[in-house]
Structures are given as C-alpha cells and as structure tokens.
Amino acid sequence: MEKLLFQGKIPDLSVEQILRDGSFNMTRQHFHSSYEIYYLLEGERNYFIKSKAYRVGRGNLVFIGCGQIHKTTVAHSDRHERILLEVSESLIHRLVQDPEGETLGHGPFSSRSGVLELTGTEQEWVEAALFRMIEEIREKQPAYVQAATAVLQQLLIFIMRKDRSAESKSPAIHSAKHQKVNEVANYIGMNYSDIPSLDALSERFYISKYYLCRIFKEVTGMTISQYINANRLKAAEKMLLESSESIIRIAALSGFGNVTYFDKVFRESLGLSPAQYRKFNRNLSGQQF
C-alpha cells in the first residue's frame, strides 16, 4: 500500500511526502539534474549512492548530488514514510553562497557524506522545518513561494553546519563485501565505456563472476549490467545536451556499441529517444549548435 500524503512544487523546488506499507524497491536506478534531500520519518531503508551503500534509519537525512546514480531498497521493515525535496542547482547556488562565491551547500551532497544522523532535538527541528515548507506550499498564502524558499534556506544552512561536524556523519557500510562492491562500482564509474564483459570484470577483481553478480545486486539493488548502463546513459545524456555529436557517435563514445540498443535503453530510462530528448531540451533552453 502506498499513500501520497503531499505533493507540491514552487519554482526550482518540489516536495513529496509518501507513506508505504508494503515491499517497495525503486524499479530502476536513476539520476537527476537536481539535488535531492531525503528525510526518513519512519522505518529503515538501504540506500546506494554513486558507489557506496548506506543503512538509513528514522531521522536520517540523505543527500544526492546532481547526476549521482542512486537506488533505495527494503531493509528490515517494509513500512516507511519519507519526505523528498528536489532542488535545482541554481536555487542551491542562490541560497547558500558565501561572499567569495563558494557554494556552501555542496558539502553534504558529495560522495564522502551521503547521510547525516541527527540527534532527537535536531530531528524535531528538521521535521518542523519540512512541515512548515509543506504547509506554505499547500496553503498558498500571500508570499508563500518566498516563505517556503526561506525555510529551505534555513534547512540548507543547518545542513551545512551539521555536515562540518565529523561525528554527525553516518558512514557507508564497510564490510569486506561492501568494500569489494565499492571498488567495482568506482571502476565502472571511471571505465563504463570500455568494459567488454562480466568475465573481464571478474578477472580484473579476482572474483567469481557469479559471486560478484550476487553481491553487487545484494548491496546496490542493481545488476552490474544495469549499473554500467546507468553510467553510460548519464554520459550520453550529457553529450546530447552539451555537444553536436551524432547519435551514432554518442552511442559509441558512451559504450553502447549498438545504436539500436542505445535507443532502446534510453527510451526505457528517460521516456524519449535520444533524438527526441536532445530536441526537447534544446527547445527549452534555446540552445543553438
């Protein structure tokens, strides 16, 4: 059972509150051009971000940077309730930039600190801030956009200060199994376009292909092939938006040797063909090539 408790947005910010009482795993790994802040109100989840796995509990804040591949899966209990914020990069820059021009809000979104643990008092403050934001967007009183944005700024400043306290960080899981998956995921992230086969990957890391596939899926919630394709799609999306390379060339550069397969995977993930995606986004931004 899934219950949508709230969903709303203002320019550069969307907020969603969901209660799930039943088994739920993200259907596929994904990444966004925005920043995500995820707060768990109830339950426990496994979270894989970029190349690290975290166990997330009630009162934890999770941070996902632009373009970071991530997936959440069931931990011990199916029931969980969370609030998710999606914030544009431009709004992050506007709200938390110091006089020298450094954006202070990027720290917690880096790969080194995907999760923050909060004390009881801090949880109360964060929850009050999140529900104030929801109330402003729901009620739409005069200046509600400014009010919700002001609450977000306070939350980002709190996060920035909390992140600088080393003891507040919830470290990634560091078992031997998780460390091996982290090594493999990092390697894939740097070499996604040049991985010939699972056999070659297992030989490089001196591990059985079948065992590697099993622990990778167990830790990340994804198969190795899905993770490789996610990295390739991320690279292809960037090239589609920022270059004038042909679709065939982009497929080859990102590691999809077959343009038909590239088109199929891209459509399944993003809902448009590569050509449609490029045209749609260029029309939005007015880009010329």
Protein backbone atom coordinates (compact mmCIF):
# COMPACT_ATOMS: atom_id res chain seq x y z
CA MET A 1 0.00 0.00 0.00
CA GLU A 2 1.29 3.44 -0.96
CA LYS A 3 -0.28 6.68 0.26
CA LEU A 4 0.72 10.02 -1.22
CA LEU A 5 0.40 12.43 1.71
CA PHE A 6 1.59 15.52 -0.10
CA GLN A 7 2.98 16.57 -3.45
CA GLY A 8 3.64 20.15 -4.48
CA LYS A 9 6.12 22.46 -6.08
CA ILE A 10 7.29 26.02 -6.47
CA PRO A 11 9.90 27.26 -8.95
CA ASP A 12 13.13 25.22 -8.55
CA LEU A 13 11.76 23.13 -5.66
CA SER A 14 9.40 20.15 -5.43
CA VAL A 15 8.29 18.39 -2.23
CA GLU A 16 6.77 14.93 -1.84
CA GLN A 17 5.67 13.02 1.27
CA ILE A 18 4.85 9.32 0.88
CA LEU A 19 3.89 6.53 3.30
CA ARG A 20 4.47 2.97 2.10
CA ASP A 21 3.28 -0.10 3.99
CA GLY A 22 4.47 -2.94 1.79
CA SER A 23 7.55 -4.05 -0.06
CA PHE A 24 8.94 -1.27 -2.25
CA ASN A 25 12.16 -1.04 -4.22
CA MET A 26 12.95 1.56 -6.86
CA THR A 27 12.11 -0.14 -10.15
CA ARG A 28 15.37 1.09 -11.64
CA GLN A 29 18.46 3.03 -10.73
CA HIS A 30 18.26 6.67 -11.70
CA PHE A 31 19.89 10.08 -11.57
CA HIS A 32 18.66 13.66 -11.76
CA SER A 33 19.85 17.08 -12.87
CA SER A 34 18.66 18.43 -9.50
CA TYR A 35 19.79 17.89 -5.90
CA GLU A 36 17.77 15.61 -3.63
CA ILE A 37 17.25 15.79 0.13
CA TYR A 38 15.56 12.70 1.57
CA TYR A 39 14.34 12.56 5.18
CA LEU A 40 13.10 9.31 6.70
CA LEU A 41 10.22 9.90 9.12
CA GLU A 42 9.63 6.23 9.85
CA GLY A 43 11.20 2.87 9.03
CA GLU A 44 14.56 1.79 7.67
CA ARG A 45 15.97 1.70 4.13
CA ASN A 46 19.07 0.64 2.25
CA TYR A 47 20.43 3.44 0.09
CA PHE A 48 23.07 3.12 -2.60
CA ILE A 49 24.55 6.43 -3.81
CA LYS A 50 27.17 6.63 -6.55
CA SER A 51 29.39 3.79 -5.30
CA LYS A 52 28.58 3.48 -1.58
CA ALA A 53 25.89 1.69 0.40
CA TYR A 54 24.22 3.18 3.49
CA ARG A 55 21.72 1.90 6.05
CA VAL A 56 19.26 4.75 6.60
CA GLY A 57 17.10 4.93 9.71
CA ARG A 58 14.44 7.19 11.16
CA GLY A 59 15.69 10.76 11.49
CA ASN A 60 18.47 10.41 8.92
CA LEU A 61 18.99 12.94 6.14
CA VAL A 62 20.18 11.62 2.78
CA PHE A 63 21.85 13.85 0.15
CA ILE A 64 22.10 13.05 -3.55
CA GLY A 65 24.06 15.36 -5.81
CA CYS A 66 23.32 16.23 -9.43
CA GLY A 67 23.86 13.24 -11.66
CA GLN A 68 24.67 10.77 -8.86
CA ILE A 69 23.31 7.29 -9.62
CA HIS A 70 21.25 6.05 -6.70
CA LYS A 71 18.70 3.47 -5.63
CA THR A 72 16.78 2.68 -2.44
CA THR A 73 15.69 -0.82 -1.38
CA VAL A 74 13.95 -2.58 1.51
CA ALA A 75 15.91 -3.01 4.76
CA HIS A 76 14.35 -4.88 7.71
CA SER A 77 10.82 -3.47 7.58
CA ASP A 78 8.62 -2.77 4.56
CA ARG A 79 6.80 0.14 6.20
CA HIS A 80 8.43 3.54 5.81
CA GLU A 81 7.50 7.19 5.45
CA ARG A 82 9.71 9.80 3.87
CA ILE A 83 9.82 13.38 2.64
CA LEU A 84 11.75 14.09 -0.55
CA LEU A 85 12.91 17.51 -1.75
CA GLU A 86 14.22 18.06 -5.27
CA VAL A 87 16.11 21.36 -5.51
CA SER A 88 17.57 22.90 -8.66
CA GLU A 89 21.28 23.66 -8.77
CA SER A 90 20.56 27.32 -9.43
CA LEU A 91 18.46 27.61 -6.25
CA ILE A 92 21.17 25.91 -4.19
CA HIS A 93 23.65 28.49 -5.51
CA ARG A 94 21.35 31.40 -4.72
CA LEU A 95 20.53 30.34 -1.18
CA VAL A 96 23.89 29.23 0.21
CA GLN A 97 26.69 31.19 -1.40
CA ASP A 98 29.31 32.96 0.67
CA PRO A 99 30.76 36.44 -0.19
CA GLU A 100 33.70 34.83 -2.03
CA GLY A 101 31.32 32.96 -4.31
CA GLU A 102 31.81 29.47 -2.88
CA THR A 103 28.61 27.46 -2.71
CA LEU A 104 28.41 26.16 0.84
CA GLY A 105 25.62 23.70 0.22
CA HIS A 106 27.64 21.25 -1.89
CA GLY A 107 29.47 19.59 1.03
CA PRO A 108 26.78 17.14 2.17
CA PHE A 109 25.96 16.25 -1.46
CA SER A 110 29.47 14.99 -2.14
CA SER A 111 30.22 11.28 -2.33
CA ARG A 112 32.08 11.40 1.01
CA SER A 113 28.97 12.23 3.05
CA GLY A 114 25.76 10.83 1.66
CA VAL A 115 23.96 10.59 5.01
CA LEU A 116 23.76 12.62 8.23
CA GLU A 117 22.49 11.23 11.55
CA LEU A 118 20.57 13.71 13.72
CA THR A 119 20.03 13.95 17.46
CA GLY A 120 16.49 13.90 18.82
CA THR A 121 16.41 17.71 19.12
CA GLU A 122 17.76 18.11 15.60
CA GLN A 123 15.16 15.72 14.24
CA GLU A 124 12.40 17.81 15.81
CA TRP A 125 13.82 20.98 14.24
CA VAL A 126 14.22 19.43 10.77
CA GLU A 127 10.74 17.90 10.83
CA ALA A 128 9.20 21.20 11.91
CA ALA A 129 11.01 22.96 9.03
CA LEU A 130 9.89 20.37 6.48
CA PHE A 131 6.27 20.55 7.60
CA ARG A 132 6.38 24.36 7.54
CA MET A 133 7.55 24.15 3.94
CA ILE A 134 4.75 21.71 3.08
CA GLU A 135 2.16 23.93 4.79
CA GLU A 136 3.31 27.02 2.89
CA ILE A 137 3.10 25.23 -0.47
CA ARG A 138 -0.24 23.60 0.37
CA GLU A 139 -1.98 26.70 1.76
CA LYS A 140 -0.60 29.15 -0.85
CA GLN A 141 -0.96 32.18 1.38
CA PRO A 142 0.44 35.52 0.10
CA ALA A 143 4.22 35.28 -0.49
CA TYR A 144 4.15 31.50 0.06
CA VAL A 145 6.92 30.97 -2.51
CA GLN A 146 9.22 33.32 -0.63
CA ALA A 147 8.23 31.76 2.70
CA ALA A 148 8.89 28.18 1.53
CA THR A 149 12.19 29.26 -0.03
CA ALA A 150 13.21 30.94 3.23
CA VAL A 151 12.55 27.70 5.14
CA LEU A 152 14.66 25.81 2.60
CA GLN A 153 17.49 28.29 3.09
CA GLN A 154 17.38 27.75 6.86
CA LEU A 155 17.43 23.98 6.29
CA LEU A 156 20.44 24.22 3.96
CA ILE A 157 22.36 26.34 6.47
CA PHE A 158 21.56 23.82 9.22
CA ILE A 159 22.78 21.00 6.95
CA MET A 160 25.98 22.85 6.06
CA ARG A 161 26.83 23.42 9.74
CA LYS A 162 25.91 19.87 10.74
CA ASP A 163 27.94 18.39 7.90
CA ARG A 164 31.10 20.05 9.22
CA SER A 165 30.83 18.05 12.44
CA ALA A 166 32.65 14.77 11.70
CA GLU A 167 30.82 12.78 14.36
CA SER A 168 27.46 13.60 12.75
CA LYS A 169 28.19 11.69 9.55
CA SER A 170 26.68 8.27 9.04
CA PRO A 171 29.47 6.37 7.28
CA ALA A 172 28.98 3.99 4.43
CA ILE A 173 28.88 0.30 5.32
CA HIS A 174 32.44 -1.06 5.29
CA SER A 175 32.21 -4.86 5.37
CA ALA A 176 34.55 -6.81 3.05
CA LYS A 177 31.60 -7.44 0.73
CA HIS A 178 30.63 -3.76 0.61
CA GLN A 179 34.24 -2.72 0.08
CA LYS A 180 34.55 -5.03 -2.92
CA VAL A 181 31.33 -3.68 -4.44
CA ASN A 182 32.56 -0.12 -3.81
CA GLU A 183 35.79 -0.90 -5.68
CA VAL A 184 33.91 -2.42 -8.61
CA ALA A 185 31.39 0.44 -8.74
CA ASN A 186 34.18 3.03 -8.72
CA TYR A 187 35.97 1.19 -11.51
CA ILE A 188 32.78 1.05 -13.58
CA GLY A 189 32.20 4.76 -12.98
CA MET A 190 35.60 5.57 -14.48
CA ASN A 191 35.63 2.95 -17.26
CA TYR A 192 31.96 2.45 -18.21
CA SER A 193 32.63 2.87 -21.96
CA ASP A 194 35.36 0.24 -22.07
CA ILE A 195 34.11 -2.80 -20.13
CA PRO A 196 33.93 -5.69 -22.61
CA SER A 197 32.19 -8.30 -20.44
CA LEU A 198 31.34 -9.50 -16.96
CA ASP A 199 34.07 -12.11 -17.37
CA ALA A 200 36.67 -9.39 -17.89
CA LEU A 201 35.37 -7.51 -14.86
CA SER A 202 35.51 -10.56 -12.60
CA GLU A 203 39.03 -11.40 -13.80
CA ARG A 204 40.21 -7.88 -13.02
CA PHE A 205 38.98 -8.14 -9.42
CA TYR A 206 39.99 -11.81 -8.92
CA ILE A 207 36.49 -12.89 -8.01
CA SER A 208 33.99 -15.39 -9.41
CA LYS A 209 31.61 -13.81 -11.90
CA TYR A 210 28.62 -15.42 -10.21
CA TYR A 211 29.65 -14.29 -6.72
CA LEU A 212 30.38 -10.78 -7.99
CA CYS A 213 26.96 -10.54 -9.63
CA ARG A 214 25.26 -11.78 -6.46
CA ILE A 215 26.95 -9.39 -4.01
CA PHE A 216 26.66 -6.43 -6.39
CA LYS A 217 22.88 -6.91 -6.67
CA GLU A 218 22.60 -7.52 -2.92
CA VAL A 219 24.46 -4.31 -1.99
CA THR A 220 23.25 -1.92 -4.69
CA GLY A 221 19.83 -3.26 -5.66
CA MET A 222 21.06 -3.26 -9.28
CA THR A 223 22.66 -5.79 -11.56
CA ILE A 224 26.13 -4.97 -12.84
CA SER A 225 24.71 -4.51 -16.33
CA GLN A 226 22.13 -2.02 -15.03
CA TYR A 227 24.84 -0.05 -13.25
CA ILE A 228 27.07 0.01 -16.32
CA ASN A 229 24.13 1.18 -18.46
CA ALA A 230 23.23 3.87 -15.91
CA ASN A 231 26.74 5.30 -16.14
CA ARG A 232 26.64 5.11 -19.92
CA LEU A 233 23.23 6.82 -20.03
CA LYS A 234 24.47 9.61 -17.77
CA ALA A 235 27.42 10.23 -20.10
CA ALA A 236 25.20 10.03 -23.19
CA GLU A 237 22.69 12.48 -21.72
CA LYS A 238 25.47 14.99 -21.06
CA MET A 239 26.79 14.67 -24.62
CA LEU A 240 23.30 15.03 -26.09
CA LEU A 241 22.83 18.30 -24.21
CA GLU A 242 26.31 19.76 -24.49
CA SER A 243 27.67 18.64 -27.86
CA SER A 244 26.70 18.41 -31.52
CA GLU A 245 27.98 14.83 -31.91
CA SER A 246 25.70 12.50 -33.89
CA ILE A 247 23.52 9.96 -32.09
CA ILE A 248 25.61 7.12 -33.54
CA ARG A 249 28.83 8.75 -32.30
CA ILE A 250 27.39 9.37 -28.83
CA ALA A 251 26.28 5.73 -28.61
CA ALA A 252 29.84 4.62 -29.39
CA LEU A 253 31.54 7.13 -27.08
CA SER A 254 29.34 6.20 -24.13
CA GLY A 255 29.94 2.48 -24.60
CA PHE A 256 26.77 1.41 -26.42
CA GLY A 257 28.25 -0.34 -29.43
CA ASN A 258 24.83 -0.85 -30.98
CA VAL A 259 22.80 2.29 -31.65
CA THR A 260 19.55 0.28 -31.66
CA TYR A 261 20.27 -1.00 -28.15
CA PHE A 262 21.26 2.53 -27.09
CA ASP A 263 17.91 3.84 -28.33
CA LYS A 264 16.02 1.05 -26.50
CA VAL A 265 17.79 1.58 -23.14
CA PHE A 266 17.48 5.36 -23.41
CA ARG A 267 13.73 5.18 -24.10
CA GLU A 268 13.18 2.78 -21.20
CA SER A 269 15.03 5.05 -18.78
CA LEU A 270 14.05 8.56 -19.90
CA GLY A 271 10.84 8.03 -21.87
CA LEU A 272 12.16 9.61 -25.07
CA SER A 273 14.51 8.58 -27.84
CA PRO A 274 17.97 10.23 -27.75
CA ALA A 275 16.99 12.47 -30.68
CA GLN A 276 13.70 13.50 -29.03
CA TYR A 277 15.46 14.16 -25.73
CA ARG A 278 18.03 16.41 -27.41
CA LYS A 279 15.39 18.34 -29.35
CA PHE A 280 13.10 18.76 -26.32
CA ASN A 281 15.83 20.11 -24.06
CA ARG A 282 17.31 22.40 -26.68
CA ASN A 283 13.88 23.87 -27.35
CA LEU A 284 13.53 24.55 -23.61
CA SER A 285 16.92 26.23 -23.30
CA GLY A 286 17.07 27.85 -26.73
CA GLN A 287 20.47 26.27 -27.44
CA GLN A 288 21.95 26.53 -30.90
CA PHE A 289 24.61 24.20 -32.33
